[in-house]
Protein backbone atom coordinates (compact mmCIF):
# COMPACT_ATOMS: atom_id res chain seq x y z
CA MET A 1 30.19 -182.79 182.37
CA ILE A 2 30.68 -186.22 183.99
CA GLN A 3 34.41 -186.19 183.25
CA ASN A 4 34.82 -182.74 184.85
CA GLU A 5 33.00 -183.92 187.98
CA SER A 6 35.29 -186.98 188.16
CA ARG A 7 38.43 -184.82 187.96
CA PHE A 8 37.14 -182.54 190.67
CA HIS A 9 36.32 -185.58 192.80
CA SER A 10 39.90 -186.89 192.44
CA LYS A 11 41.48 -183.52 193.20
CA LEU A 12 39.42 -183.15 196.35
CA ILE A 13 40.50 -186.57 197.62
CA TYR A 14 44.16 -185.78 196.85
CA PHE A 15 43.87 -182.54 198.76
CA ILE A 16 42.44 -184.30 201.80
CA ILE A 17 45.16 -186.99 201.63
CA THR A 18 47.81 -184.26 201.52
CA VAL A 19 46.34 -182.51 204.56
CA LEU A 20 46.19 -185.77 206.50
CA LEU A 21 49.77 -186.71 205.52
CA LEU A 22 51.01 -183.34 206.73
CA LYS A 23 49.19 -183.97 209.96
CA LEU A 24 50.86 -187.41 210.17
CA VAL A 25 54.30 -185.87 209.64
CA TYR A 26 53.56 -183.38 212.38
CA VAL A 27 52.57 -186.19 214.76
CA ILE A 28 55.75 -188.19 213.96
CA PHE A 29 57.90 -185.10 214.51
CA ASP A 30 56.14 -184.44 217.81
CA VAL A 31 56.80 -188.06 218.95
CA PHE A 32 60.51 -187.74 218.27
CA ILE A 33 60.61 -184.64 220.41
CA HIS A 34 58.47 -185.84 223.31
CA GLY A 35 58.84 -189.62 222.95
CA ASP A 36 55.09 -190.33 223.54
CA ILE A 37 54.48 -193.60 221.56
CA GLY A 38 50.91 -194.01 222.88
CA SER A 39 49.86 -190.59 221.62
CA PHE A 40 51.47 -191.40 218.26
CA LEU A 41 49.48 -194.62 217.81
CA LEU A 42 46.25 -192.90 218.84
CA ALA A 43 46.88 -190.08 216.39
CA ILE A 44 47.54 -192.59 213.56
CA LEU A 45 44.25 -194.35 214.34
CA ILE A 46 42.25 -191.10 214.39
CA ILE A 47 43.82 -189.87 211.16
CA SER A 48 43.04 -193.16 209.41
CA ILE A 49 39.42 -193.11 210.53
CA LEU A 50 39.02 -189.50 209.40
CA PHE A 51 40.55 -190.28 206.02
CA PHE A 52 38.29 -193.20 205.25
CA GLY A 53 35.22 -191.44 206.66
CA VAL A 54 35.77 -188.30 204.58
CA ALA A 55 36.53 -190.38 201.48
CA ILE A 56 33.30 -192.37 201.86
CA LEU A 57 31.27 -189.21 202.47
CA ILE A 58 32.61 -187.47 199.37
CA SER A 59 32.08 -190.56 197.22
CA SER A 60 28.50 -190.95 198.41
CA MET A 61 27.76 -187.26 197.72
CA PHE A 62 29.02 -187.44 194.16
CA SER A 63 27.37 -190.78 193.60
CA SER A 64 23.97 -189.44 194.76
CA GLU A 65 24.30 -186.36 192.58
CA ASN A 66 25.19 -188.42 189.52
CA ASN A 67 22.34 -190.83 190.19
CA SER A 68 19.96 -187.93 190.66
CA ASN A 69 20.99 -186.34 187.39
CA GLY A 70 20.70 -189.64 185.62
CA HIS A 71 17.29 -190.36 187.16
CA GLY A 72 16.01 -186.88 186.19
CA SER A 73 17.08 -187.44 182.62
CA ALA A 74 15.53 -190.89 182.61
CA THR A 75 12.30 -189.50 184.04
CA ALA A 76 12.14 -186.79 181.39
CA VAL A 77 12.71 -189.38 178.68
CA ASP A 78 10.10 -191.69 180.21
CA ASN A 79 7.52 -188.88 180.37
CA GLU A 80 8.19 -187.90 176.79
CA GLN A 81 7.86 -191.49 175.59
CA PHE A 82 4.70 -191.96 177.65
CA GLN A 83 3.10 -188.85 176.13
CA LYS A 84 4.00 -190.03 172.64
CA LEU A 85 2.34 -193.33 173.42
CA LEU A 86 -0.83 -191.59 174.63
CA ASP A 87 -0.93 -189.44 171.51
CA ARG A 88 -0.55 -192.53 169.38
CA TYR A 89 -3.49 -194.20 171.15
CA GLU A 90 -5.62 -191.09 170.65
CA ARG A 91 -4.87 -191.04 166.94
CA LEU A 92 -5.68 -194.71 166.71
CA CYS A 93 -8.95 -194.12 168.54
CA ASN A 94 -9.89 -191.32 166.16
CA ASP A 95 -9.04 -193.53 163.19
CA PHE A 96 -11.42 -196.21 164.48
CA ILE A 97 -14.17 -193.61 164.95
CA GLU A 98 -13.73 -192.43 161.35
CA LYS A 99 -14.01 -196.02 160.22
CA LYS A 100 -17.15 -196.40 162.40
CA GLN A 101 -15.46 -199.07 164.46
CA PHE A 102 -16.81 -197.58 167.63
CA LYS A 103 -16.34 -200.54 169.96
CA LYS A 104 -12.62 -200.65 169.12
CA ALA A 105 -12.35 -196.92 169.73
CA ALA A 106 -14.14 -197.30 173.06
CA TYR A 107 -11.84 -200.18 173.99
CA ILE A 108 -8.79 -197.98 173.49
CA GLN A 109 -10.27 -195.28 175.72
CA LEU A 110 -11.34 -197.77 178.34
CA LYS A 111 -8.34 -200.12 178.52
CA LEU A 112 -5.36 -198.19 177.16
CA LEU A 113 -6.14 -194.55 177.99
CA ARG A 114 -8.13 -195.30 181.16
CA ASN A 115 -10.86 -192.83 180.22
CA PRO A 116 -14.19 -194.62 180.77
CA TYR A 117 -16.32 -191.48 180.33
CA ARG A 118 -14.86 -190.90 176.86
CA ALA A 119 -15.46 -194.56 176.04
CA ALA A 120 -19.10 -194.30 177.14
CA HIS A 121 -19.62 -191.09 175.13
CA ILE A 122 -18.24 -192.77 172.01
CA LEU A 123 -20.66 -195.66 172.44
CA ASP A 124 -23.59 -193.33 173.14
CA ASP A 125 -22.84 -191.22 170.07
CA ALA A 126 -22.76 -194.43 168.04
CA LYS A 127 -26.21 -195.30 169.46
CA LEU A 128 -24.75 -198.28 171.26
CA HIS A 129 -26.66 -197.19 174.32
CA ASN A 130 -26.74 -200.49 176.20
CA ASP A 131 -22.97 -200.78 175.93
CA ALA A 132 -22.58 -197.16 177.01
CA ALA A 133 -24.85 -197.72 179.99
CA LEU A 134 -22.78 -200.69 181.10
CA VAL A 135 -19.58 -198.61 180.98
CA TYR A 136 -21.22 -195.76 182.89
CA LEU A 137 -22.47 -198.17 185.51
CA THR A 138 -19.48 -200.48 186.03
CA LYS A 139 -16.52 -198.22 185.21
CA CYS A 140 -17.73 -194.68 185.95
CA PHE A 141 -20.12 -195.62 188.76
CA ASP A 142 -22.51 -193.05 187.29
CA LYS A 143 -26.08 -194.26 187.67
CA GLU A 144 -27.65 -191.09 186.26
CA ASN A 145 -25.92 -191.32 182.87
CA ALA A 146 -26.37 -195.08 182.86
CA ALA A 147 -30.11 -194.66 183.37
CA GLU A 148 -30.32 -192.14 180.53
CA SER A 149 -28.45 -194.50 178.22
CA TYR A 150 -30.70 -197.42 179.16
CA GLU A 151 -33.70 -195.19 178.46
CA LYS A 152 -32.33 -194.32 175.01
CA ALA A 153 -31.81 -198.02 174.40
CA ARG A 154 -35.43 -198.64 175.44
CA SER A 155 -34.23 -200.86 178.26
CA TYR A 156 -36.94 -199.27 180.32
CA LYS A 157 -36.93 -201.60 183.32
CA LYS A 158 -33.22 -201.06 183.86
CA ALA A 159 -33.65 -197.30 183.45
CA ILE A 160 -36.52 -197.15 185.94
CA LYS A 161 -34.56 -199.19 188.48
CA LEU A 162 -31.64 -196.76 188.35
CA TYR A 163 -33.85 -193.65 188.42
CA LYS A 164 -35.49 -194.97 191.58
CA GLU A 165 -32.11 -195.68 193.15
CA ILE A 166 -30.91 -192.12 192.62
CA GLY A 167 -34.26 -190.61 193.64
CA ASP A 168 -35.09 -189.10 190.24
CA HIS A 169 -38.84 -189.68 190.48
CA GLU A 170 -39.74 -187.33 187.64
CA SER A 171 -37.58 -189.28 185.17
CA ALA A 172 -38.99 -192.55 186.54
CA GLY A 173 -42.48 -191.16 185.92
CA ASP A 174 -41.50 -190.17 182.39
CA VAL A 175 -40.35 -193.71 181.60
CA TYR A 176 -43.51 -195.21 183.09
CA THR A 177 -45.47 -192.82 180.86
CA LYS A 178 -43.59 -194.10 177.82
CA ILE A 179 -44.62 -197.66 178.58
CA GLU A 180 -48.17 -196.47 179.35
CA ASP A 181 -48.05 -197.49 183.00
CA THR A 182 -50.17 -194.56 184.18
CA LYS A 183 -50.59 -195.71 187.76
CA ASN A 184 -46.86 -195.91 188.50
CA ALA A 185 -46.20 -192.73 186.53
CA GLN A 186 -48.73 -190.80 188.61
CA HIS A 187 -47.26 -192.22 191.79
CA HIS A 188 -43.77 -190.94 191.01
CA TYR A 189 -45.00 -187.59 189.72
CA GLN A 190 -46.95 -187.12 192.95
CA ILE A 191 -43.74 -187.62 194.94
CA VAL A 192 -42.19 -184.78 192.92
CA VAL A 193 -45.22 -182.54 193.45
CA ASP A 194 -45.23 -183.15 197.19
CA THR A 195 -41.52 -182.35 197.43
CA TYR A 196 -41.95 -179.07 195.55
CA ALA A 197 -45.00 -178.09 197.57
CA LYS A 198 -43.23 -178.86 200.83
CA ASN A 199 -40.55 -176.35 199.80
CA ASP A 200 -43.17 -173.73 198.75
CA GLN A 201 -42.24 -174.18 195.06
CA TYR A 202 -45.86 -174.04 193.94
CA VAL A 203 -45.18 -173.03 190.33
CA LYS A 204 -42.91 -176.03 189.74
CA ALA A 205 -45.39 -178.34 191.46
CA SER A 206 -48.25 -177.00 189.34
CA LEU A 207 -46.31 -177.59 186.12
CA ILE A 208 -45.96 -181.28 186.99
CA TYR A 209 -49.70 -181.45 187.65
CA ARG A 210 -50.61 -179.64 184.45
CA LYS A 211 -48.10 -180.92 181.92
CA LYS A 212 -47.36 -184.44 183.12
CA MET A 213 -50.37 -185.48 185.16
CA ASP A 214 -53.01 -183.63 183.12
CA ASP A 215 -54.57 -182.33 186.33
CA LYS A 216 -55.34 -178.63 185.85
CA THR A 217 -57.62 -178.50 188.88
CA SER A 218 -54.93 -179.60 191.32
CA ALA A 219 -52.45 -177.28 189.59
CA SER A 220 -54.77 -174.30 190.07
CA LYS A 221 -55.39 -175.12 193.72
CA LEU A 222 -51.67 -175.10 194.42
CA LEU A 223 -51.19 -171.81 192.58
CA VAL A 224 -54.03 -170.14 194.47
CA LYS A 225 -52.46 -171.41 197.68
CA GLY A 226 -49.15 -169.82 196.66
CA TRP A 227 -50.96 -166.51 196.01
CA ARG A 228 -52.69 -166.57 199.38
CA GLU A 229 -49.52 -167.49 201.26
CA ASN A 230 -47.49 -164.92 199.31
CA LYS A 231 -45.03 -167.57 198.13
CA ASP A 232 -43.87 -166.26 194.75
CA ALA A 233 -47.37 -164.81 194.58
CA VAL A 234 -47.15 -162.95 191.26
CA ASN A 235 -45.81 -165.94 189.32
CA CYS A 236 -48.35 -168.21 190.99
CA LEU A 237 -51.32 -166.08 189.91
CA ASN A 238 -50.01 -165.50 186.39
CA ASN A 239 -49.58 -169.26 185.99
CA HIS A 240 -53.07 -169.82 187.38
CA LEU A 241 -54.57 -167.44 184.82
CA VAL A 242 -52.88 -169.39 181.99
CA HIS A 243 -55.61 -172.00 182.45
CA PHE A 244 -58.25 -169.55 181.15
CA GLU A 245 -57.99 -169.57 177.39
CA SER A 246 -60.74 -167.20 176.25
CA GLU A 247 -61.25 -163.49 176.86
CA LYS A 248 -64.55 -164.09 178.61
CA ALA A 249 -63.16 -166.77 180.96
CA LEU A 250 -60.04 -164.71 181.73
CA GLN A 251 -62.09 -161.61 182.50
CA ALA A 252 -64.37 -163.57 184.84
CA GLU A 253 -61.41 -165.02 186.77
CA ILE A 254 -59.64 -161.66 187.05
CA ASN A 255 -62.82 -160.05 188.39
CA HIS A 256 -63.33 -162.95 190.80
CA PHE A 257 -59.81 -162.58 192.17
CA TYR A 258 -60.06 -158.81 192.42
CA LYS A 259 -63.25 -159.12 194.42
CA ASN A 260 -62.35 -162.04 196.69
CA GLU A 261 -58.56 -162.46 196.86
CA VAL A 262 -57.13 -158.93 196.69
CA HIS A 263 -56.63 -156.79 199.80
CA LYS A 264 -54.38 -154.03 201.05
CA GLY A 265 -51.52 -156.44 201.68
CA ASN A 266 -51.36 -157.80 198.13
CA ASN A 267 -53.02 -155.21 195.86
CA LEU A 268 -49.66 -154.07 194.46
CA ASN A 269 -48.83 -157.68 193.58
CA PHE A 270 -52.16 -157.88 191.79
CA LEU A 271 -51.22 -154.80 189.80
CA LYS A 272 -48.05 -156.57 188.68
CA VAL A 273 -50.16 -159.56 187.62
CA LEU A 274 -52.42 -157.29 185.56
CA LYS A 275 -49.42 -155.83 183.72
CA THR A 276 -48.57 -159.32 182.43
CA GLU A 277 -52.17 -160.22 181.60
CA PHE A 278 -52.70 -156.93 179.74
CA LYS A 279 -50.13 -158.03 177.12
CA LYS A 280 -52.06 -161.16 176.12
CA GLU A 281 -53.97 -161.26 172.85
CA ILE A 282 -57.09 -162.48 174.65
CA ALA A 283 -56.76 -159.88 177.41
CA PRO A 284 -59.94 -157.98 178.35
CA LYS A 285 -57.99 -154.74 178.10
CA GLU A 286 -60.69 -152.27 179.10
CA ASN A 287 -61.62 -154.33 182.16
CA ILE A 288 -57.96 -154.62 183.20
CA GLN A 289 -57.42 -150.88 182.73
CA ASN A 290 -60.35 -150.06 185.00
CA ILE A 291 -59.03 -152.29 187.77
CA ALA A 292 -55.53 -150.86 187.34
CA TYR A 293 -56.87 -147.29 187.67
CA GLU A 294 -58.63 -148.24 190.89
CA LEU A 295 -55.52 -149.84 192.36
CA VAL A 296 -53.32 -146.87 191.42
CA SER A 297 -55.92 -144.49 192.87
CA LYS A 298 -55.84 -146.34 196.20
CA ASN A 299 -52.04 -145.94 196.25
CA HIS A 300 -51.77 -142.52 194.58
CA GLN A 301 -49.35 -141.19 197.17
CA ASN A 302 -46.81 -143.79 196.10
CA THR A 303 -45.10 -142.36 193.00
CA GLU A 304 -43.65 -145.78 192.13
CA VAL A 305 -47.15 -147.21 191.90
CA LEU A 306 -48.29 -144.25 189.82
CA GLY A 307 -45.61 -145.07 187.27
CA ASN A 308 -47.30 -148.43 186.65
CA LEU A 309 -50.02 -146.63 184.72
CA TYR A 310 -47.61 -146.33 181.80
CA ASP A 311 -48.14 -150.01 181.07
CA PHE A 312 -51.90 -149.54 180.70
CA VAL A 313 -52.27 -146.08 179.10
CA LYS A 314 -49.33 -145.64 176.75
CA GLU A 315 -51.68 -144.53 173.97
CA ASP A 316 -53.31 -141.85 176.14
CA SER A 317 -50.89 -138.90 175.97
CA GLN A 318 -53.01 -136.74 178.29
CA ILE A 319 -52.87 -139.26 181.16
CA VAL A 320 -49.13 -139.73 180.63
CA SER A 321 -48.64 -135.96 180.89
CA ASP A 322 -50.73 -135.86 184.07
CA ILE A 323 -48.59 -138.63 185.59
CA ILE A 324 -45.40 -136.73 184.80
CA ARG A 325 -46.74 -133.48 186.32
CA HIS A 326 -47.89 -135.31 189.44
CA ARG A 327 -44.49 -136.93 189.91
CA ILE A 328 -42.72 -133.57 189.45
CA ARG A 329 -44.93 -131.97 192.11
CA LYS A 330 -44.11 -134.82 194.48
């Protein structure tokens, strides 16, 4: 290929030289006829400049093309060699992992393959959590994973510091709980509760109260507030009723709510709550059925509401038939 290009290059230059020589002959012939020596010298100068200019231009074009082709080939070779080198490092890393030489494997990922996350994962999987945390923190700039690794390593002070920095107050509270620092744990949990409540996420806030702060009273107050404000009302009331763990207590609370907290604006939501409560093993089924009948009766013109009776009277074929006939007539 290179030899062919060289021959073509030479032929092109010869062709241009021939054309310019013919032009020179023409100029000389013209001088003999007209006797204009000044025009002859000017023509010689112009022809010489054109010759050298065209020759340089052609040479530079072919030189650039050859260099480009050579560079492309070199680049392809370099990329291939580089990929082979990476593959070799990966195999070496895997060999070290199999031999349980985890720090050496992590070193290869960190220094040779420039993959700090992989290095940190290797160290974490090997339960070298402090080392993993340091990589996350200084090479990945990932405080969240670093905090989790410090927590696994039982470097609790370092974990708490990072959780505070990233604003993860729930995790900070969890770590304080582990070290039995109740006061600080409660403080951070309360921050989480207040944030959820501010955004009307009363169910989430109540779960922090109930499961992490052991404060069922405050949890119930928030859930009742969510019911009254119609903020995810059905879930709020169902979660509130979870606190009542006997049939007698559950029945009393359902009756209390039906009497004092249910009105025209939320009675259909209350019916949805009853459908969930009716499925519980401790459910006061007869009491719930009676309330459901009353609510459906108050909304009997709404066929969608009437269909809710299915969930309370599936075993009563006569009532089911009556519901179907009523819906057909509608």
